[in-house]
Amino acid sequence: TPMEERYIGNAKMFTEEEKRKLLNVYREDLRFTDVTKPLYQESAGYDPVDRMQFIDIHTWMRGDILLKADKMTMAHSLELRVPFLDKAVF
């Protein structure tokens, strides 16, 4: 199975059947590859590990885990350093 069809990062948590049961409106015409295909095309020359990291950076990390880490540590007066994702910082 090509990586593009099996690795979607940490973004997929539910099976198709679970999604149908959980969601009031479920569009079966939308697939995870609609989101990941452009990212895989952009990272075409990268080695497999770099491609997986690229997918994580542009899906799961930016919109989910980094935000949660920031909110949870701030709520408990803790300081946490998370990775910079913006190359322009360097």
PDB file of N, CA and C in Angstrom:
ATOM      1  N   THR A   1       0.847  -1.185   0.000  1.00  0.00           N
ATOM      2  CA  THR A   1       0.000   0.000   0.000  1.00  0.00           C
ATOM      3  C   THR A   1       0.887   1.242   0.000  1.00  0.00           C
ATOM      4  N   PRO A   2       0.671   2.157  -0.922  1.00  0.00           N
ATOM      5  CA  PRO A   2       1.476   3.382  -0.955  1.00  0.00           C
ATOM      6  C   PRO A   2       1.294   4.207   0.321  1.00  0.00           C
ATOM      7  N   MET A   3       2.351   4.906   0.710  1.00  0.00           N
ATOM      8  CA  MET A   3       2.304   5.720   1.915  1.00  0.00           C
ATOM      9  C   MET A   3       1.141   6.709   1.880  1.00  0.00           C
ATOM     10  N   GLU A   4       0.859   7.253   0.714  1.00  0.00           N
ATOM     11  CA  GLU A   4      -0.211   8.244   0.578  1.00  0.00           C
ATOM     12  C   GLU A   4      -1.576   7.690   0.987  1.00  0.00           C
ATOM     13  N   GLU A   5      -1.736   6.371   0.916  1.00  0.00           N
ATOM     14  CA  GLU A   5      -3.008   5.746   1.269  1.00  0.00           C
ATOM     15  C   GLU A   5      -3.025   5.195   2.687  1.00  0.00           C
ATOM     16  N   ARG A   6      -1.861   5.042   3.302  1.00  0.00           N
ATOM     17  CA  ARG A   6      -1.849   4.432   4.631  1.00  0.00           C
ATOM     18  C   ARG A   6      -1.438   5.380   5.740  1.00  0.00           C
ATOM     19  N   TYR A   7      -0.647   6.415   5.451  1.00  0.00           N
ATOM     20  CA  TYR A   7      -0.221   7.316   6.523  1.00  0.00           C
ATOM     21  C   TYR A   7      -0.901   8.663   6.380  1.00  0.00           C
ATOM     22  N   ILE A   8      -1.720   8.999   7.342  1.00  0.00           N
ATOM     23  CA  ILE A   8      -2.369  10.315   7.338  1.00  0.00           C
ATOM     24  C   ILE A   8      -2.053  11.068   8.612  1.00  0.00           C
ATOM     25  N   GLY A   9      -0.985  10.669   9.287  1.00  0.00           N
ATOM     26  CA  GLY A   9      -0.608  11.343  10.519  1.00  0.00           C
ATOM     27  C   GLY A   9      -1.501  10.922  11.666  1.00  0.00           C
ATOM     28  N   ASN A  10      -1.549  11.761  12.651  1.00  0.00           N
ATOM     29  CA  ASN A  10      -2.344  11.470  13.839  1.00  0.00           C
ATOM     30  C   ASN A  10      -3.757  12.027  13.730  1.00  0.00           C
ATOM     31  N   ALA A  11      -4.137  12.428  12.549  1.00  0.00           N
ATOM     32  CA  ALA A  11      -5.422  13.093  12.369  1.00  0.00           C
ATOM     33  C   ALA A  11      -6.601  12.132  12.311  1.00  0.00           C
ATOM     34  N   LYS A  12      -6.374  10.885  12.002  1.00  0.00           N
ATOM     35  CA  LYS A  12      -7.492   9.945  11.849  1.00  0.00           C
ATOM     36  C   LYS A  12      -7.654   9.130  13.123  1.00  0.00           C
ATOM     37  N   MET A  13      -8.824   9.263  13.724  1.00  0.00           N
ATOM     38  CA  MET A  13      -9.070   8.564  14.978  1.00  0.00           C
ATOM     39  C   MET A  13     -10.236   7.586  14.879  1.00  0.00           C
ATOM     40  N   PHE A  14     -11.145   7.820  13.951  1.00  0.00           N
ATOM     41  CA  PHE A  14     -12.354   7.018  13.861  1.00  0.00           C
ATOM     42  C   PHE A  14     -12.403   6.261  12.541  1.00  0.00           C
ATOM     43  N   THR A  15     -12.988   5.090  12.589  1.00  0.00           N
ATOM     44  CA  THR A  15     -13.215   4.337  11.360  1.00  0.00           C
ATOM     45  C   THR A  15     -14.378   4.982  10.609  1.00  0.00           C
ATOM     46  N   GLU A  16     -14.553   4.599   9.360  1.00  0.00           N
ATOM     47  CA  GLU A  16     -15.664   5.142   8.576  1.00  0.00           C
ATOM     48  C   GLU A  16     -17.007   4.800   9.232  1.00  0.00           C
ATOM     49  N   GLU A  17     -17.140   3.601   9.748  1.00  0.00           N
ATOM     50  CA  GLU A  17     -18.378   3.189  10.415  1.00  0.00           C
ATOM     51  C   GLU A  17     -18.636   4.025  11.671  1.00  0.00           C
ATOM     52  N   GLU A  18     -17.598   4.277  12.464  1.00  0.00           N
ATOM     53  CA  GLU A  18     -17.759   5.102  13.666  1.00  0.00           C
ATOM     54  C   GLU A  18     -18.177   6.527  13.305  1.00  0.00           C
ATOM     55  N   LYS A  19     -17.617   7.055  12.229  1.00  0.00           N
ATOM     56  CA  LYS A  19     -17.992   8.408  11.798  1.00  0.00           C
ATOM     57  C   LYS A  19     -19.464   8.469  11.414  1.00  0.00           C
ATOM     58  N   ARG A  20     -19.938   7.465  10.710  1.00  0.00           N
ATOM     59  CA  ARG A  20     -21.355   7.424  10.317  1.00  0.00           C
ATOM     60  C   ARG A  20     -22.267   7.434  11.547  1.00  0.00           C
ATOM     61  N   LYS A  21     -21.850   6.713  12.587  1.00  0.00           N
ATOM     62  CA  LYS A  21     -22.663   6.638  13.802  1.00  0.00           C
ATOM     63  C   LYS A  21     -22.612   7.938  14.609  1.00  0.00           C
ATOM     64  N   LEU A  22     -21.467   8.609  14.609  1.00  0.00           N
ATOM     65  CA  LEU A  22     -21.280   9.808  15.432  1.00  0.00           C
ATOM     66  C   LEU A  22     -21.817  11.094  14.815  1.00  0.00           C
ATOM     67  N   LEU A  23     -21.754  11.206  13.514  1.00  0.00           N
ATOM     68  CA  LEU A  23     -22.091  12.465  12.857  1.00  0.00           C
ATOM     69  C   LEU A  23     -23.518  12.477  12.333  1.00  0.00           C
ATOM     70  N   ASN A  24     -24.199  13.594  12.542  1.00  0.00           N
ATOM     71  CA  ASN A  24     -25.556  13.748  12.001  1.00  0.00           C
ATOM     72  C   ASN A  24     -25.523  13.781  10.482  1.00  0.00           C
ATOM     73  N   VAL A  25     -24.569  14.518   9.950  1.00  0.00           N
ATOM     74  CA  VAL A  25     -24.401  14.610   8.497  1.00  0.00           C
ATOM     75  C   VAL A  25     -23.017  14.067   8.174  1.00  0.00           C
ATOM     76  N   TYR A  26     -22.977  13.000   7.429  1.00  0.00           N
ATOM     77  CA  TYR A  26     -21.697  12.386   7.071  1.00  0.00           C
ATOM     78  C   TYR A  26     -21.592  12.309   5.561  1.00  0.00           C
ATOM     79  N   ARG A  27     -20.552  12.928   5.033  1.00  0.00           N
ATOM     80  CA  ARG A  27     -20.364  12.944   3.578  1.00  0.00           C
ATOM     81  C   ARG A  27     -19.350  11.877   3.188  1.00  0.00           C
ATOM     82  N   GLU A  28     -19.841  10.829   2.611  1.00  0.00           N
ATOM     83  CA  GLU A  28     -18.968   9.733   2.208  1.00  0.00           C
ATOM     84  C   GLU A  28     -18.112  10.082   1.006  1.00  0.00           C
ATOM     85  N   ASP A  29     -18.465  11.161   0.301  1.00  0.00           N
ATOM     86  CA  ASP A  29     -17.675  11.558  -0.861  1.00  0.00           C
ATOM     87  C   ASP A  29     -16.369  12.242  -0.462  1.00  0.00           C
ATOM     88  N   LEU A  30     -16.254  12.687   0.797  1.00  0.00           N
ATOM     89  CA  LEU A  30     -15.014  13.301   1.268  1.00  0.00           C
ATOM     90  C   LEU A  30     -14.119  12.233   1.882  1.00  0.00           C
ATOM     91  N   ARG A  31     -12.872  12.241   1.461  1.00  0.00           N
ATOM     92  CA  ARG A  31     -11.914  11.266   1.983  1.00  0.00           C
ATOM     93  C   ARG A  31     -10.710  11.997   2.553  1.00  0.00           C
ATOM     94  N   PHE A  32      -9.977  11.327   3.440  1.00  0.00           N
ATOM     95  CA  PHE A  32      -8.805  11.964   4.027  1.00  0.00           C
ATOM     96  C   PHE A  32      -7.781  12.335   2.969  1.00  0.00           C
ATOM     97  N   THR A  33      -7.775  11.600   1.862  1.00  0.00           N
ATOM     98  CA  THR A  33      -6.811  11.905   0.803  1.00  0.00           C
ATOM     99  C   THR A  33      -7.090  13.250   0.139  1.00  0.00           C
ATOM    100  N   ASP A  34      -8.309  13.770   0.277  1.00  0.00           N
ATOM    101  CA  ASP A  34      -8.601  15.110  -0.241  1.00  0.00           C
ATOM    102  C   ASP A  34      -7.752  16.159   0.476  1.00  0.00           C
ATOM    103  N   VAL A  35      -7.442  15.909   1.731  1.00  0.00           N
ATOM    104  CA  VAL A  35      -6.616  16.819   2.528  1.00  0.00           C
ATOM    105  C   VAL A  35      -5.135  16.516   2.340  1.00  0.00           C
ATOM    106  N   THR A  36      -4.777  15.239   2.352  1.00  0.00           N
ATOM    107  CA  THR A  36      -3.360  14.878   2.343  1.00  0.00           C
ATOM    108  C   THR A  36      -2.717  14.845   0.961  1.00  0.00           C
ATOM    109  N   LYS A  37      -3.486  14.662  -0.089  1.00  0.00           N
ATOM    110  CA  LYS A  37      -2.905  14.548  -1.433  1.00  0.00           C
ATOM    111  C   LYS A  37      -2.033  15.750  -1.806  1.00  0.00           C
ATOM    112  N   PRO A  38      -2.511  16.994  -1.628  1.00  0.00           N
ATOM    113  CA  PRO A  38      -1.645  18.131  -1.965  1.00  0.00           C
ATOM    114  C   PRO A  38      -0.368  18.170  -1.121  1.00  0.00           C
ATOM    115  N   LEU A  39      -0.450  17.727   0.129  1.00  0.00           N
ATOM    116  CA  LEU A  39       0.730  17.715   0.997  1.00  0.00           C
ATOM    117  C   LEU A  39       1.733  16.662   0.536  1.00  0.00           C
ATOM    118  N   TYR A  40       1.237  15.510   0.119  1.00  0.00           N
ATOM    119  CA  TYR A  40       2.131  14.484  -0.414  1.00  0.00           C
ATOM    120  C   TYR A  40       2.757  14.929  -1.734  1.00  0.00           C
ATOM    121  N   GLN A  41       2.006  15.649  -2.538  1.00  0.00           N
ATOM    122  CA  GLN A  41       2.568  16.161  -3.792  1.00  0.00           C
ATOM    123  C   GLN A  41       3.673  17.175  -3.505  1.00  0.00           C
ATOM    124  N   GLU A  42       3.452  18.026  -2.518  1.00  0.00           N
ATOM    125  CA  GLU A  42       4.447  19.041  -2.167  1.00  0.00           C
ATOM    126  C   GLU A  42       5.714  18.423  -1.587  1.00  0.00           C
ATOM    127  N   SER A  43       5.589  17.276  -0.923  1.00  0.00           N
ATOM    128  CA  SER A  43       6.746  16.633  -0.296  1.00  0.00           C
ATOM    129  C   SER A  43       7.268  15.451  -1.112  1.00  0.00           C
ATOM    130  N   ALA A  44       7.016  15.447  -2.399  1.00  0.00           N
ATOM    131  CA  ALA A  44       7.344  14.305  -3.263  1.00  0.00           C
ATOM    132  C   ALA A  44       8.812  13.881  -3.216  1.00  0.00           C
ATOM    133  N   GLY A  45       9.753  14.788  -3.071  1.00  0.00           N
ATOM    134  CA  GLY A  45      11.163  14.423  -3.089  1.00  0.00           C
ATOM    135  C   GLY A  45      11.745  14.061  -1.738  1.00  0.00           C
ATOM    136  N   TYR A  46      10.943  14.107  -0.691  1.00  0.00           N
ATOM    137  CA  TYR A  46      11.430  13.846   0.667  1.00  0.00           C
ATOM    138  C   TYR A  46      11.523  12.347   0.934  1.00  0.00           C
ATOM    139  N   ASP A  47      12.360  11.970   1.910  1.00  0.00           N
ATOM    140  CA  ASP A  47      12.397  10.563   2.308  1.00  0.00           C
ATOM    141  C   ASP A  47      11.132  10.262   3.128  1.00  0.00           C
ATOM    142  N   PRO A  48      10.792   8.983   3.338  1.00  0.00           N
ATOM    143  CA  PRO A  48       9.524   8.624   3.986  1.00  0.00           C
ATOM    144  C   PRO A  48       9.295   9.259   5.363  1.00  0.00           C
ATOM    145  N   VAL A  49      10.310   9.287   6.203  1.00  0.00           N
ATOM    146  CA  VAL A  49      10.132   9.873   7.539  1.00  0.00           C
ATOM    147  C   VAL A  49       9.853  11.370   7.435  1.00  0.00           C
ATOM    148  N   ASP A  50      10.587  12.061   6.574  1.00  0.00           N
ATOM    149  CA  ASP A  50      10.353  13.493   6.384  1.00  0.00           C
ATOM    150  C   ASP A  50       8.952  13.761   5.842  1.00  0.00           C
ATOM    151  N   ARG A  51       8.465  12.892   4.987  1.00  0.00           N
ATOM    152  CA  ARG A  51       7.108  13.066   4.453  1.00  0.00           C
ATOM    153  C   ARG A  51       6.062  12.903   5.560  1.00  0.00           C
ATOM    154  N   MET A  52       6.267  11.935   6.431  1.00  0.00           N
ATOM    155  CA  MET A  52       5.331  11.746   7.539  1.00  0.00           C
ATOM    156  C   MET A  52       5.360  12.948   8.478  1.00  0.00           C
ATOM    157  N   GLN A  53       6.553  13.481   8.742  1.00  0.00           N
ATOM    158  CA  GLN A  53       6.659  14.675   9.577  1.00  0.00           C
ATOM    159  C   GLN A  53       5.986  15.864   8.903  1.00  0.00           C
ATOM    160  N   PHE A  54       6.138  15.982   7.607  1.00  0.00           N
ATOM    161  CA  PHE A  54       5.519  17.062   6.846  1.00  0.00           C
ATOM    162  C   PHE A  54       3.993  17.002   6.987  1.00  0.00           C
ATOM    163  N   ILE A  55       3.433  15.805   6.883  1.00  0.00           N
ATOM    164  CA  ILE A  55       1.986  15.628   7.049  1.00  0.00           C
ATOM    165  C   ILE A  55       1.561  16.044   8.455  1.00  0.00           C
ATOM    166  N   ASP A  56       2.290  15.584   9.474  1.00  0.00           N
ATOM    167  CA  ASP A  56       1.950  15.935  10.857  1.00  0.00           C
ATOM    168  C   ASP A  56       2.021  17.442  11.100  1.00  0.00           C
ATOM    169  N   ILE A  57       3.059  18.081  10.599  1.00  0.00           N
ATOM    170  CA  ILE A  57       3.236  19.523  10.803  1.00  0.00           C
ATOM    171  C   ILE A  57       2.093  20.309  10.182  1.00  0.00           C
ATOM    172  N   HIS A  58       1.626  19.881   9.031  1.00  0.00           N
ATOM    173  CA  HIS A  58       0.599  20.639   8.319  1.00  0.00           C
ATOM    174  C   HIS A  58      -0.834  20.212   8.640  1.00  0.00           C
ATOM    175  N   THR A  59      -1.007  19.209   9.474  1.00  0.00           N
ATOM    176  CA  THR A  59      -2.372  18.793   9.828  1.00  0.00           C
ATOM    177  C   THR A  59      -2.537  18.784  11.344  1.00  0.00           C
ATOM    178  N   TRP A  60      -2.061  17.767  11.974  1.00  0.00           N
ATOM    179  CA  TRP A  60      -2.311  17.505  13.389  1.00  0.00           C
ATOM    180  C   TRP A  60      -1.618  18.479  14.333  1.00  0.00           C
ATOM    181  N   MET A  61      -0.354  18.762  14.128  1.00  0.00           N
ATOM    182  CA  MET A  61       0.379  19.589  15.087  1.00  0.00           C
ATOM    183  C   MET A  61      -0.140  21.015  15.143  1.00  0.00           C
ATOM    184  N   ARG A  62      -0.243  21.637  14.014  1.00  0.00           N
ATOM    185  CA  ARG A  62      -0.594  23.053  13.961  1.00  0.00           C
ATOM    186  C   ARG A  62      -1.999  23.321  14.502  1.00  0.00           C
ATOM    187  N   GLY A  63      -2.951  22.521  14.130  1.00  0.00           N
ATOM    188  CA  GLY A  63      -4.327  22.802  14.504  1.00  0.00           C
ATOM    189  C   GLY A  63      -4.821  22.081  15.739  1.00  0.00           C
ATOM    190  N   ASP A  64      -3.988  21.239  16.348  1.00  0.00           N
ATOM    191  CA  ASP A  64      -4.491  20.429  17.452  1.00  0.00           C
ATOM    192  C   ASP A  64      -3.539  20.388  18.638  1.00  0.00           C
ATOM    193  N   ILE A  65      -2.489  19.620  18.541  1.00  0.00           N
ATOM    194  CA  ILE A  65      -1.679  19.322  19.718  1.00  0.00           C
ATOM    195  C   ILE A  65      -0.918  20.535  20.256  1.00  0.00           C
ATOM    196  N   LEU A  66      -0.420  21.399  19.401  1.00  0.00           N
ATOM    197  CA  LEU A  66       0.309  22.566  19.901  1.00  0.00           C
ATOM    198  C   LEU A  66      -0.623  23.518  20.634  1.00  0.00           C
ATOM    199  N   LEU A  67      -1.811  23.701  20.121  1.00  0.00           N
ATOM    200  CA  LEU A  67      -2.800  24.561  20.768  1.00  0.00           C
ATOM    201  C   LEU A  67      -3.215  23.984  22.117  1.00  0.00           C
ATOM    202  N   LYS A  68      -3.461  22.686  22.161  1.00  0.00           N
ATOM    203  CA  LYS A  68      -3.848  22.043  23.420  1.00  0.00           C
ATOM    204  C   LYS A  68      -2.729  22.133  24.449  1.00  0.00           C
ATOM    205  N   ALA A  69      -1.501  21.904  24.023  1.00  0.00           N
ATOM    206  CA  ALA A  69      -0.364  21.986  24.943  1.00  0.00           C
ATOM    207  C   ALA A  69      -0.257  23.386  25.527  1.00  0.00           C
ATOM    208  N   ASP A  70      -0.421  24.389  24.702  1.00  0.00           N
ATOM    209  CA  ASP A  70      -0.342  25.772  25.159  1.00  0.00           C
ATOM    210  C   ASP A  70      -1.447  26.081  26.167  1.00  0.00           C
ATOM    211  N   LYS A  71      -2.664  25.723  25.862  1.00  0.00           N
ATOM    212  CA  LYS A  71      -3.791  26.019  26.755  1.00  0.00           C
ATOM    213  C   LYS A  71      -3.685  25.282  28.088  1.00  0.00           C
ATOM    214  N   MET A  72      -3.312  24.017  28.054  1.00  0.00           N
ATOM    215  CA  MET A  72      -3.242  23.237  29.290  1.00  0.00           C
ATOM    216  C   MET A  72      -2.121  23.716  30.208  1.00  0.00           C
ATOM    217  N   THR A  73      -0.975  24.037  29.635  1.00  0.00           N
ATOM    218  CA  THR A  73       0.123  24.500  30.486  1.00  0.00           C
ATOM    219  C   THR A  73      -0.156  25.892  31.034  1.00  0.00           C
ATOM    220  N   MET A  74      -0.747  26.765  30.238  1.00  0.00           N
ATOM    221  CA  MET A  74      -1.088  28.100  30.730  1.00  0.00           C
ATOM    222  C   MET A  74      -2.128  28.020  31.845  1.00  0.00           C
ATOM    223  N   ALA A  75      -3.065  27.104  31.740  1.00  0.00           N
ATOM    224  CA  ALA A  75      -4.103  26.950  32.761  1.00  0.00           C
ATOM    225  C   ALA A  75      -3.521  26.534  34.107  1.00  0.00           C
ATOM    226  N   HIS A  76      -2.340  25.929  34.084  1.00  0.00           N
ATOM    227  CA  HIS A  76      -1.709  25.455  35.314  1.00  0.00           C
ATOM    228  C   HIS A  76      -0.418  26.206  35.629  1.00  0.00           C
ATOM    229  N   SER A  77      -0.262  27.380  35.040  1.00  0.00           N
ATOM    230  CA  SER A  77       0.904  28.248  35.273  1.00  0.00           C
ATOM    231  C   SER A  77       2.224  27.536  35.010  1.00  0.00           C
ATOM    232  N   LEU A  78       2.252  26.738  33.962  1.00  0.00           N
ATOM    233  CA  LEU A  78       3.471  26.042  33.567  1.00  0.00           C
ATOM    234  C   LEU A  78       3.989  26.631  32.266  1.00  0.00           C
ATOM    235  N   GLU A  79       5.285  26.543  32.095  1.00  0.00           N
ATOM    236  CA  GLU A  79       5.910  27.008  30.858  1.00  0.00           C
ATOM    237  C   GLU A  79       6.313  25.783  30.048  1.00  0.00           C
ATOM    238  N   LEU A  80       5.876  25.740  28.809  1.00  0.00           N
ATOM    239  CA  LEU A  80       6.190  24.620  27.931  1.00  0.00           C
ATOM    240  C   LEU A  80       6.740  25.160  26.627  1.00  0.00           C
ATOM    241  N   ARG A  81       7.763  24.557  26.135  1.00  0.00           N
ATOM    242  CA  ARG A  81       8.325  24.946  24.843  1.00  0.00           C
ATOM    243  C   ARG A  81       7.870  23.941  23.802  1.00  0.00           C
ATOM    244  N   VAL A  82       7.204  24.436  22.787  1.00  0.00           N
ATOM    245  CA  VAL A  82       6.760  23.589  21.686  1.00  0.00           C
ATOM    246  C   VAL A  82       7.550  23.969  20.444  1.00  0.00           C
ATOM    247  N   PRO A  83       7.600  23.104  19.454  1.00  0.00           N
ATOM    248  CA  PRO A  83       8.403  23.411  18.260  1.00  0.00           C
ATOM    249  C   PRO A  83       7.870  24.618  17.492  1.00  0.00           C
ATOM    250  N   PHE A  84       8.804  25.415  16.956  1.00  0.00           N
ATOM    251  CA  PHE A  84       8.421  26.472  16.026  1.00  0.00           C
ATOM    252  C   PHE A  84       8.113  25.814  14.689  1.00  0.00           C
ATOM    253  N   LEU A  85       6.991  26.132  14.102  1.00  0.00           N
ATOM    254  CA  LEU A  85       6.627  25.546  12.820  1.00  0.00           C
ATOM    255  C   LEU A  85       6.816  26.518  11.671  1.00  0.00           C
ATOM    256  N   ASP A  86       7.106  27.762  11.987  1.00  0.00           N
ATOM    257  CA  ASP A  86       7.258  28.775  10.952  1.00  0.00           C
ATOM    258  C   ASP A  86       8.733  28.915  10.592  1.00  0.00           C
ATOM    259  N   LYS A  87       9.083  28.552   9.364  1.00  0.00           N
ATOM    260  CA  LYS A  87      10.479  28.628   8.926  1.00  0.00           C
ATOM    261  C   LYS A  87      10.985  30.060   8.906  1.00  0.00           C
ATOM    262  N   ALA A  88      10.082  31.024   8.767  1.00  0.00           N
ATOM    263  CA  ALA A  88      10.491  32.430   8.719  1.00  0.00           C
ATOM    264  C   ALA A  88      11.091  32.893  10.045  1.00  0.00           C
ATOM    265  N   VAL A  89      10.820  32.192  11.135  1.00  0.00           N
ATOM    266  CA  VAL A  89      11.382  32.546  12.438  1.00  0.00           C
ATOM    267  C   VAL A  89      12.898  32.412  12.399  1.00  0.00           C
ATOM    268  N   PHE A  90      13.390  31.446  11.677  1.00  0.00           N
ATOM    269  CA  PHE A  90      14.821  31.205  11.608  1.00  0.00           C
ATOM    270  C   PHE A  90      15.418  32.090  10.553  1.00  0.00           C
TER     271      PHE A  90
END
